[in-house]
Amino acid sequence: MALDYNVIGKRIKQARLKKGFTQEQIAEKLDVSIAFLSRVERGNSHINLRRLDEICNILDVSLGSILEGSSENSRKLFKQRIFKSS
């Protein structure tokens, strides 16, 4: 399965905005340029898992939510619905 960096970038941006951070604040915490973070959010630059993990820690989101669009809450709800219908 190939990673879709456009989707990953959009999820990073959504998480950043939800937390109320600017690109400048996140870039400073990561010690990267604002231009790099902007390219990542637009899907124009690939990001390695180490750096993605750092972003997730800053934004307090899981890697799964960024990579797969899933969250622990949605997985729990899905399991509850499966077991409820059995």
N, C-alpha and C. Protein backbone atom coordinates (compact mmCIF):
# COMPACT_ATOMS: atom_id res chain seq x y z
N MET A 1 0.84 -1.17 0.00
CA MET A 1 0.00 0.00 0.00
C MET A 1 0.89 1.25 0.00
N ALA A 2 0.70 2.10 -0.95
CA ALA A 2 1.47 3.35 -1.04
C ALA A 2 0.82 4.43 -0.18
N LEU A 3 1.66 5.27 0.37
CA LEU A 3 1.15 6.37 1.18
C LEU A 3 0.68 7.50 0.29
N ASP A 4 -0.46 8.07 0.60
CA ASP A 4 -0.98 9.22 -0.13
C ASP A 4 -0.61 10.47 0.65
N TYR A 5 0.47 11.12 0.23
CA TYR A 5 0.99 12.27 0.96
C TYR A 5 0.05 13.47 0.92
N ASN A 6 -0.81 13.54 -0.08
CA ASN A 6 -1.81 14.62 -0.11
C ASN A 6 -2.80 14.46 1.04
N VAL A 7 -3.26 13.25 1.24
CA VAL A 7 -4.22 12.97 2.32
C VAL A 7 -3.55 13.14 3.68
N ILE A 8 -2.33 12.63 3.82
CA ILE A 8 -1.59 12.78 5.07
C ILE A 8 -1.41 14.25 5.40
N GLY A 9 -1.03 15.03 4.41
CA GLY A 9 -0.84 16.47 4.61
C GLY A 9 -2.12 17.16 5.04
N LYS A 10 -3.24 16.79 4.42
CA LYS A 10 -4.53 17.40 4.79
C LYS A 10 -4.89 17.06 6.23
N ARG A 11 -4.61 15.82 6.64
CA ARG A 11 -4.92 15.41 8.01
C ARG A 11 -4.03 16.14 9.01
N ILE A 12 -2.77 16.34 8.66
CA ILE A 12 -1.87 17.09 9.53
C ILE A 12 -2.40 18.52 9.68
N LYS A 13 -2.77 19.12 8.57
CA LYS A 13 -3.28 20.49 8.61
C LYS A 13 -4.54 20.58 9.45
N GLN A 14 -5.46 19.65 9.26
CA GLN A 14 -6.70 19.65 10.04
C GLN A 14 -6.40 19.53 11.54
N ALA A 15 -5.49 18.64 11.89
CA ALA A 15 -5.14 18.46 13.30
C ALA A 15 -4.47 19.72 13.85
N ARG A 16 -3.62 20.34 13.05
CA ARG A 16 -2.94 21.56 13.48
C ARG A 16 -3.95 22.68 13.73
N LEU A 17 -4.88 22.86 12.79
CA LEU A 17 -5.89 23.90 12.93
C LEU A 17 -6.81 23.63 14.12
N LYS A 18 -7.15 22.37 14.32
CA LYS A 18 -8.02 22.00 15.43
C LYS A 18 -7.37 22.35 16.77
N LYS A 19 -6.05 22.22 16.84
CA LYS A 19 -5.31 22.56 18.07
C LYS A 19 -5.01 24.05 18.16
N GLY A 20 -5.25 24.79 17.08
CA GLY A 20 -5.02 26.23 17.10
C GLY A 20 -3.57 26.65 16.90
N PHE A 21 -2.77 25.77 16.31
CA PHE A 21 -1.37 26.09 16.04
C PHE A 21 -1.20 26.70 14.66
N THR A 22 -0.22 27.57 14.53
CA THR A 22 0.16 28.08 13.21
C THR A 22 1.25 27.18 12.65
N GLN A 23 1.46 27.29 11.35
CA GLN A 23 2.57 26.56 10.74
C GLN A 23 3.89 26.98 11.38
N GLU A 24 4.01 28.26 11.66
CA GLU A 24 5.24 28.77 12.25
C GLU A 24 5.52 28.12 13.62
N GLN A 25 4.49 27.96 14.43
CA GLN A 25 4.67 27.35 15.75
C GLN A 25 5.12 25.89 15.64
N ILE A 26 4.49 25.15 14.74
CA ILE A 26 4.85 23.74 14.57
C ILE A 26 6.25 23.63 13.98
N ALA A 27 6.55 24.44 12.98
CA ALA A 27 7.88 24.41 12.36
C ALA A 27 8.96 24.70 13.39
N GLU A 28 8.69 25.64 14.28
CA GLU A 28 9.67 25.99 15.32
C GLU A 28 9.89 24.82 16.26
N LYS A 29 8.82 24.15 16.66
CA LYS A 29 8.93 23.00 17.56
C LYS A 29 9.70 21.85 16.91
N LEU A 30 9.55 21.72 15.58
CA LEU A 30 10.21 20.64 14.85
C LEU A 30 11.61 21.02 14.39
N ASP A 31 11.93 22.30 14.47
CA ASP A 31 13.19 22.83 13.96
C ASP A 31 13.31 22.58 12.45
N VAL A 32 12.21 22.92 11.75
CA VAL A 32 12.19 22.86 10.29
C VAL A 32 11.68 24.20 9.78
N SER A 33 11.80 24.42 8.49
CA SER A 33 11.31 25.68 7.92
C SER A 33 9.78 25.64 7.78
N ILE A 34 9.20 26.80 7.78
CA ILE A 34 7.76 26.92 7.53
C ILE A 34 7.45 26.42 6.13
N ALA A 35 8.35 26.70 5.19
CA ALA A 35 8.15 26.26 3.81
C ALA A 35 8.07 24.74 3.73
N PHE A 36 8.92 24.04 4.49
CA PHE A 36 8.88 22.58 4.50
C PHE A 36 7.55 22.08 5.03
N LEU A 37 7.12 22.63 6.17
CA LEU A 37 5.84 22.21 6.74
C LEU A 37 4.69 22.50 5.79
N SER A 38 4.74 23.62 5.12
CA SER A 38 3.72 23.97 4.15
C SER A 38 3.68 22.94 3.01
N ARG A 39 4.85 22.55 2.53
CA ARG A 39 4.92 21.53 1.46
C ARG A 39 4.36 20.19 1.93
N VAL A 40 4.65 19.83 3.19
CA VAL A 40 4.13 18.58 3.76
C VAL A 40 2.61 18.64 3.80
N GLU A 41 2.06 19.75 4.29
CA GLU A 41 0.60 19.88 4.39
C GLU A 41 -0.08 19.87 3.03
N ARG A 42 0.61 20.32 2.00
CA ARG A 42 0.04 20.30 0.65
C ARG A 42 0.30 18.97 -0.06
N GLY A 43 1.10 18.09 0.56
CA GLY A 43 1.42 16.80 -0.05
C GLY A 43 2.51 16.89 -1.08
N ASN A 44 3.22 18.01 -1.11
CA ASN A 44 4.28 18.21 -2.09
C ASN A 44 5.64 17.73 -1.61
N SER A 45 5.72 17.34 -0.36
CA SER A 45 6.98 16.86 0.20
C SER A 45 6.70 15.63 1.03
N HIS A 46 7.51 14.60 0.84
CA HIS A 46 7.35 13.38 1.62
C HIS A 46 7.91 13.61 3.01
N ILE A 47 7.36 12.89 3.96
CA ILE A 47 7.78 13.02 5.34
C ILE A 47 8.09 11.63 5.87
N ASN A 48 9.20 11.52 6.60
CA ASN A 48 9.54 10.19 7.14
C ASN A 48 8.75 9.93 8.41
N LEU A 49 8.71 8.68 8.82
CA LEU A 49 7.88 8.30 9.96
C LEU A 49 8.37 8.93 11.27
N ARG A 50 9.67 9.12 11.41
CA ARG A 50 10.19 9.74 12.63
C ARG A 50 9.65 11.16 12.76
N ARG A 51 9.72 11.90 11.68
CA ARG A 51 9.24 13.29 11.69
C ARG A 51 7.72 13.32 11.85
N LEU A 52 7.03 12.39 11.20
CA LEU A 52 5.57 12.32 11.33
C LEU A 52 5.18 12.02 12.77
N ASP A 53 5.93 11.14 13.42
CA ASP A 53 5.67 10.82 14.82
C ASP A 53 5.87 12.05 15.69
N GLU A 54 6.88 12.86 15.40
CA GLU A 54 7.10 14.10 16.14
C GLU A 54 5.92 15.06 15.98
N ILE A 55 5.42 15.17 14.76
CA ILE A 55 4.26 16.02 14.51
C ILE A 55 3.05 15.52 15.29
N CYS A 56 2.83 14.21 15.26
CA CYS A 56 1.70 13.63 15.97
C CYS A 56 1.80 13.89 17.47
N ASN A 57 3.00 13.81 18.02
CA ASN A 57 3.18 14.09 19.45
C ASN A 57 2.86 15.54 19.77
N ILE A 58 3.31 16.44 18.93
CA ILE A 58 3.04 17.88 19.15
C ILE A 58 1.54 18.15 19.07
N LEU A 59 0.88 17.53 18.09
CA LEU A 59 -0.54 17.77 17.87
C LEU A 59 -1.44 16.88 18.74
N ASP A 60 -0.81 15.96 19.47
CA ASP A 60 -1.54 15.04 20.35
C ASP A 60 -2.58 14.23 19.57
N VAL A 61 -2.13 13.66 18.45
CA VAL A 61 -2.96 12.76 17.65
C VAL A 61 -2.17 11.48 17.41
N SER A 62 -2.86 10.42 17.08
CA SER A 62 -2.18 9.15 16.83
C SER A 62 -1.66 9.08 15.40
N LEU A 63 -0.64 8.26 15.22
CA LEU A 63 -0.14 8.02 13.86
C LEU A 63 -1.25 7.44 12.99
N GLY A 64 -2.05 6.55 13.59
CA GLY A 64 -3.15 5.93 12.84
C GLY A 64 -4.14 6.94 12.31
N SER A 65 -4.40 7.98 13.10
CA SER A 65 -5.37 8.99 12.65
C SER A 65 -4.82 9.76 11.45
N ILE A 66 -3.52 9.93 11.39
CA ILE A 66 -2.92 10.65 10.27
C ILE A 66 -2.72 9.72 9.07
N LEU A 67 -2.25 8.52 9.32
CA LEU A 67 -1.97 7.59 8.21
C LEU A 67 -3.23 6.96 7.65
N GLU A 68 -4.16 6.60 8.53
CA GLU A 68 -5.34 5.84 8.09
C GLU A 68 -6.64 6.61 8.23
N GLY A 69 -6.60 7.74 8.92
CA GLY A 69 -7.83 8.48 9.15
C GLY A 69 -8.68 7.88 10.24
N SER A 70 -8.07 6.98 11.03
CA SER A 70 -8.83 6.33 12.10
C SER A 70 -8.37 6.85 13.44
N SER A 71 -9.23 6.73 14.39
CA SER A 71 -8.87 7.11 15.75
C SER A 71 -9.23 5.95 16.67
N GLU A 72 -8.69 5.97 17.85
CA GLU A 72 -9.00 4.92 18.83
C GLU A 72 -10.49 4.91 19.13
N ASN A 73 -11.11 6.06 19.22
CA ASN A 73 -12.55 6.13 19.50
C ASN A 73 -13.37 5.50 18.39
N SER A 74 -12.99 5.78 17.13
CA SER A 74 -13.76 5.21 16.03
C SER A 74 -13.59 3.70 15.96
N ARG A 75 -12.42 3.18 16.31
CA ARG A 75 -12.21 1.73 16.34
C ARG A 75 -13.05 1.09 17.43
N LYS A 76 -13.10 1.73 18.61
CA LYS A 76 -13.90 1.19 19.70
C LYS A 76 -15.38 1.16 19.31
N LEU A 77 -15.86 2.24 18.71
CA LEU A 77 -17.25 2.31 18.28
C LEU A 77 -17.56 1.23 17.25
N PHE A 78 -16.64 1.03 16.30
CA PHE A 78 -16.80 0.01 15.27
C PHE A 78 -16.90 -1.38 15.91
N LYS A 79 -16.02 -1.68 16.86
CA LYS A 79 -16.04 -2.98 17.54
C LYS A 79 -17.34 -3.15 18.31
N GLN A 80 -17.78 -2.09 18.98
CA GLN A 80 -19.03 -2.18 19.73
C GLN A 80 -20.19 -2.51 18.81
N ARG A 81 -20.23 -1.87 17.66
CA ARG A 81 -21.33 -2.12 16.72
C ARG A 81 -21.28 -3.53 16.16
N ILE A 82 -20.07 -4.04 15.92
CA ILE A 82 -19.93 -5.41 15.40
C ILE A 82 -20.43 -6.41 16.43
N PHE A 83 -19.98 -6.26 17.68
CA PHE A 83 -20.38 -7.20 18.72
C PHE A 83 -21.85 -7.06 19.07
N LYS A 84 -22.39 -5.87 18.95
CA LYS A 84 -23.80 -5.63 19.26
C LYS A 84 -24.70 -6.32 18.24
N SER A 85 -24.25 -6.35 16.97
CA SER A 85 -25.06 -6.96 15.91
C SER A 85 -24.92 -8.47 15.85
N SER A 86 -23.96 -9.02 16.60
CA SER A 86 -23.74 -10.49 16.58
C SER A 86 -24.74 -11.21 17.41
